[in-house]
Amino acid sequence: MRRPIIIGVGGFTSSVGKTTLVCELLRAFPGWEAIKTTRGHYRSCGKDAHSCCVSHLLSEEPLVRSGRAETYSPGKDTGRYWDAGAANVHWLIATKGQIERGIRAALDRVQSEGVFVEGNSFSQFVSVDYFIMVKRGNSDEIKSSATRVLDSASAIYLSSDDEGLDGEGISASEQIGRLTLPVFKPQQVRALLEELRKACERHQNLAA
């Protein structure tokens, strides 16, 4: 079965602008689909249970919701995907041990040429054509799920231009001491899109 082009968007921490970037990419790639991955646990997440906790949706099998009727909610990440022009949206809700089965099930539902996947953990189980790690300004924070997938990263996207950043941006090696990756800022989205189009061409050449 033909595999879609997979572009991953992960984050150094929560609330760094991953969804905003995915929406911008969806507008640049009309007809593509999007997958939101949410890793849950059988307890309160410690945040507003009504707005983010998914513990009540967890079961013995990963849950994948697809289509506008099941995934559109104004202002929510999946709703923003639809508003940005996604051809379809899939929401994976799974425990840590279900991520591999869940992401494969979600990818099996993709009918378009390509798909943007938001999340970190999924990239440990599927081969991506390009993986962007989003970082907010000069923050040094990095969560454990980001550390585990940095080896899969293709580039870093700085979602804000805080004072102290020079014109060349910040390399991952300066932040965690082991990787050097291309860095893009918001005003360099056009250059990032060009890199993504090259990744698409490589995928198509391999599939030919």
Protein backbone atom coordinates (compact mmCIF):
# COMPACT_ATOMS: atom_id res chain seq x y z
CA MET A 1 0.00 0.00 0.00
CA ARG A 2 1.29 3.48 -0.88
CA ARG A 3 2.59 5.38 2.12
CA PRO A 4 1.76 9.10 2.27
CA ILE A 5 4.46 11.71 2.63
CA ILE A 6 4.83 12.23 6.38
CA ILE A 7 5.94 15.56 7.82
CA GLY A 8 6.24 15.56 11.61
CA VAL A 9 6.00 18.60 13.88
CA GLY A 10 7.19 18.10 17.46
CA GLY A 11 8.09 20.44 20.28
CA PHE A 12 10.84 21.00 22.81
CA THR A 13 8.09 21.67 25.38
CA SER A 14 4.33 22.16 25.44
CA SER A 15 2.77 25.38 24.13
CA VAL A 16 5.63 26.33 21.81
CA GLY A 17 3.54 26.94 18.68
CA LYS A 18 3.36 23.48 17.08
CA THR A 19 -0.28 23.82 16.06
CA THR A 20 0.27 27.30 14.65
CA LEU A 21 3.07 25.96 12.46
CA VAL A 22 1.01 22.94 11.33
CA CYS A 23 -1.80 25.30 10.29
CA GLU A 24 0.62 27.43 8.28
CA LEU A 25 1.95 24.31 6.56
CA LEU A 26 -1.58 23.09 5.79
CA ARG A 27 -2.32 26.38 4.04
CA ALA A 28 0.83 25.90 1.95
CA PHE A 29 -0.01 22.29 1.05
CA PRO A 30 -3.70 22.27 0.04
CA GLY A 31 -5.32 18.85 0.03
CA TRP A 32 -3.10 17.40 2.73
CA GLU A 33 -4.44 15.81 5.92
CA ALA A 34 -3.38 16.21 9.55
CA ILE A 35 -2.97 13.93 12.55
CA LYS A 36 -2.95 15.13 16.15
CA THR A 37 -1.35 12.69 18.60
CA THR A 38 -2.28 12.92 22.26
CA ARG A 39 -0.54 10.68 24.77
CA GLY A 40 -2.74 10.17 27.82
CA HIS A 41 -2.55 8.43 31.16
CA TYR A 42 -5.07 6.98 33.56
CA ARG A 43 -5.06 9.93 35.94
CA SER A 44 -5.66 13.64 35.87
CA CYS A 45 -3.08 15.53 33.83
CA GLY A 46 -3.00 18.29 36.43
CA LYS A 47 -4.41 20.87 34.04
CA ASP A 48 -8.01 21.86 33.37
CA ALA A 49 -9.73 18.49 33.05
CA HIS A 50 -12.52 19.95 30.94
CA SER A 51 -10.17 21.43 28.37
CA CYS A 52 -7.35 18.92 27.94
CA CYS A 53 -7.56 15.73 30.00
CA VAL A 54 -8.19 12.60 27.88
CA SER A 55 -8.06 9.96 30.60
CA HIS A 56 -11.77 9.21 30.16
CA LEU A 57 -11.16 8.36 26.48
CA LEU A 58 -8.47 5.75 27.13
CA SER A 59 -9.20 2.03 26.83
CA GLU A 60 -7.45 -1.24 25.98
CA GLU A 61 -6.95 -0.07 22.39
CA PRO A 62 -5.78 3.26 20.96
CA LEU A 63 -8.59 5.55 19.86
CA VAL A 64 -8.52 7.24 16.45
CA ARG A 65 -11.21 9.79 15.61
CA SER A 66 -11.48 10.96 12.00
CA GLY A 67 -13.61 13.33 9.96
CA ARG A 68 -15.10 16.71 10.68
CA ALA A 69 -18.02 15.39 12.73
CA GLU A 70 -15.67 13.69 15.19
CA THR A 71 -12.74 16.10 15.28
CA TYR A 72 -13.97 19.65 14.65
CA SER A 73 -14.20 21.87 17.72
CA PRO A 74 -13.75 25.64 17.34
CA GLY A 75 -10.49 26.84 18.83
CA LYS A 76 -9.15 23.35 19.56
CA ASP A 77 -6.05 22.09 17.74
CA THR A 78 -8.03 19.77 15.46
CA GLY A 79 -10.56 22.50 14.73
CA ARG A 80 -7.76 24.84 13.75
CA TYR A 81 -6.49 22.20 11.31
CA TRP A 82 -9.86 22.18 9.57
CA ASP A 83 -9.98 25.97 9.49
CA ALA A 84 -6.50 25.97 7.89
CA GLY A 85 -7.80 23.81 5.03
CA ALA A 86 -7.00 20.21 6.01
CA ALA A 87 -8.65 17.66 3.73
CA ASN A 88 -9.22 15.42 6.74
CA VAL A 89 -8.20 15.39 10.39
CA HIS A 90 -7.43 12.37 12.55
CA TRP A 91 -7.01 12.52 16.34
CA LEU A 92 -5.05 9.74 17.99
CA ILE A 93 -5.56 9.29 21.73
CA ALA A 94 -3.36 6.60 23.26
CA THR A 95 -1.27 5.58 26.23
CA LYS A 96 2.51 5.36 25.94
CA GLY A 97 2.31 1.67 25.10
CA GLN A 98 -0.35 2.20 22.43
CA ILE A 99 1.33 4.92 20.38
CA GLU A 100 2.88 2.57 17.81
CA ARG A 101 -0.39 0.75 17.05
CA GLY A 102 -2.32 3.99 17.14
CA ILE A 103 -0.15 5.98 14.74
CA ARG A 104 -0.13 3.12 12.24
CA ALA A 105 -3.93 2.92 12.45
CA ALA A 106 -4.21 6.68 11.92
CA LEU A 107 -1.83 6.63 8.95
CA ASP A 108 -3.85 3.81 7.38
CA ARG A 109 -6.79 6.24 7.19
CA VAL A 110 -4.87 8.90 5.26
CA GLN A 111 -6.02 9.18 1.64
CA SER A 112 -4.14 12.29 0.53
CA GLU A 113 -0.66 12.62 -0.91
CA GLY A 114 0.75 13.80 2.37
CA VAL A 115 0.00 14.30 6.06
CA PHE A 116 1.26 16.55 8.83
CA VAL A 117 1.56 14.80 12.20
CA GLU A 118 1.76 16.85 15.40
CA GLY A 119 3.47 15.20 18.35
CA ASN A 120 6.79 13.78 19.51
CA SER A 121 6.44 10.12 20.41
CA PHE A 122 5.02 8.87 17.10
CA SER A 123 8.33 9.46 15.29
CA GLN A 124 9.92 6.62 17.26
CA PHE A 125 7.73 4.13 15.40
CA VAL A 126 7.33 5.38 11.83
CA SER A 127 9.72 6.74 9.25
CA VAL A 128 9.09 10.42 8.55
CA ASP A 129 10.19 12.32 5.47
CA TYR A 130 10.94 15.47 7.45
CA PHE A 131 10.64 16.20 11.17
CA ILE A 132 10.53 19.74 12.56
CA MET A 133 11.12 20.42 16.25
CA VAL A 134 9.53 23.67 17.42
CA LYS A 135 11.31 25.73 20.06
CA ARG A 136 10.20 28.98 21.65
CA GLY A 137 12.84 31.69 21.49
CA ASN A 138 15.82 31.26 23.77
CA SER A 139 14.18 28.90 26.26
CA ASP A 140 16.49 26.13 27.47
CA GLU A 141 13.65 23.81 28.51
CA ILE A 142 13.27 20.43 26.87
CA LYS A 143 10.87 17.67 27.92
CA SER A 144 11.79 13.99 28.00
CA SER A 145 9.73 13.03 24.93
CA ALA A 146 11.60 15.68 22.93
CA THR A 147 14.98 14.40 24.05
CA ARG A 148 14.09 10.90 22.87
CA VAL A 149 13.19 12.03 19.33
CA LEU A 150 15.78 14.71 18.62
CA ASP A 151 17.89 12.22 16.68
CA SER A 152 15.01 12.03 14.20
CA ALA A 153 14.78 15.80 13.75
CA SER A 154 15.50 17.41 10.39
CA ALA A 155 15.29 21.04 11.51
CA ILE A 156 14.45 23.38 14.37
CA TYR A 157 11.79 26.08 14.04
CA LEU A 158 12.02 29.03 16.44
CA SER A 159 8.44 30.14 17.00
CA SER A 160 9.42 33.54 18.40
CA ASP A 161 12.29 35.96 18.01
CA ASP A 162 13.26 36.86 21.56
CA GLU A 163 15.97 39.40 22.19
CA GLY A 164 19.40 37.87 22.26
CA LEU A 165 18.98 35.70 19.17
CA ASP A 166 21.41 36.60 16.43
CA GLY A 167 20.62 36.47 12.72
CA GLU A 168 21.86 32.91 12.41
CA GLY A 169 19.52 31.55 15.04
CA ILE A 170 20.44 28.93 17.63
CA SER A 171 21.65 25.44 16.80
CA ALA A 172 20.45 22.46 18.77
CA SER A 173 24.05 21.72 19.75
CA GLU A 174 24.15 25.02 21.66
CA GLN A 175 21.06 23.94 23.56
CA ILE A 176 21.67 20.25 24.31
CA GLY A 177 25.30 19.78 23.32
CA ARG A 178 25.04 17.02 20.75
CA LEU A 179 23.20 18.04 17.56
CA THR A 180 23.54 20.73 14.93
CA LEU A 181 20.47 21.24 12.75
CA PRO A 182 19.25 23.93 10.35
CA VAL A 183 17.25 26.59 12.18
CA PHE A 184 14.31 28.54 10.77
CA LYS A 185 12.52 31.59 12.16
CA PRO A 186 8.98 32.77 11.35
CA GLN A 187 10.26 35.14 8.67
CA GLN A 188 12.06 32.19 7.05
CA VAL A 189 8.97 30.03 6.53
CA ARG A 190 9.41 30.27 2.77
CA ALA A 191 12.83 28.64 3.06
CA LEU A 192 11.36 25.94 5.33
CA LEU A 193 8.61 25.26 2.78
CA GLU A 194 11.27 24.82 0.11
CA GLU A 195 12.99 22.19 2.27
CA LEU A 196 9.68 20.38 2.71
CA ARG A 197 9.07 20.37 -1.03
CA LYS A 198 12.52 18.85 -1.55
CA ALA A 199 11.62 16.15 1.00
CA CYS A 200 8.42 15.47 -0.95
CA GLU A 201 10.41 15.10 -4.16
CA ARG A 202 12.78 12.63 -2.50
CA HIS A 203 9.82 10.57 -1.27
CA GLN A 204 8.27 10.54 -4.73
CA ASN A 205 11.54 9.53 -6.38
CA LEU A 206 11.97 6.63 -3.96
CA ALA A 207 8.39 5.51 -4.56
CA ALA A 208 8.72 5.65 -8.36
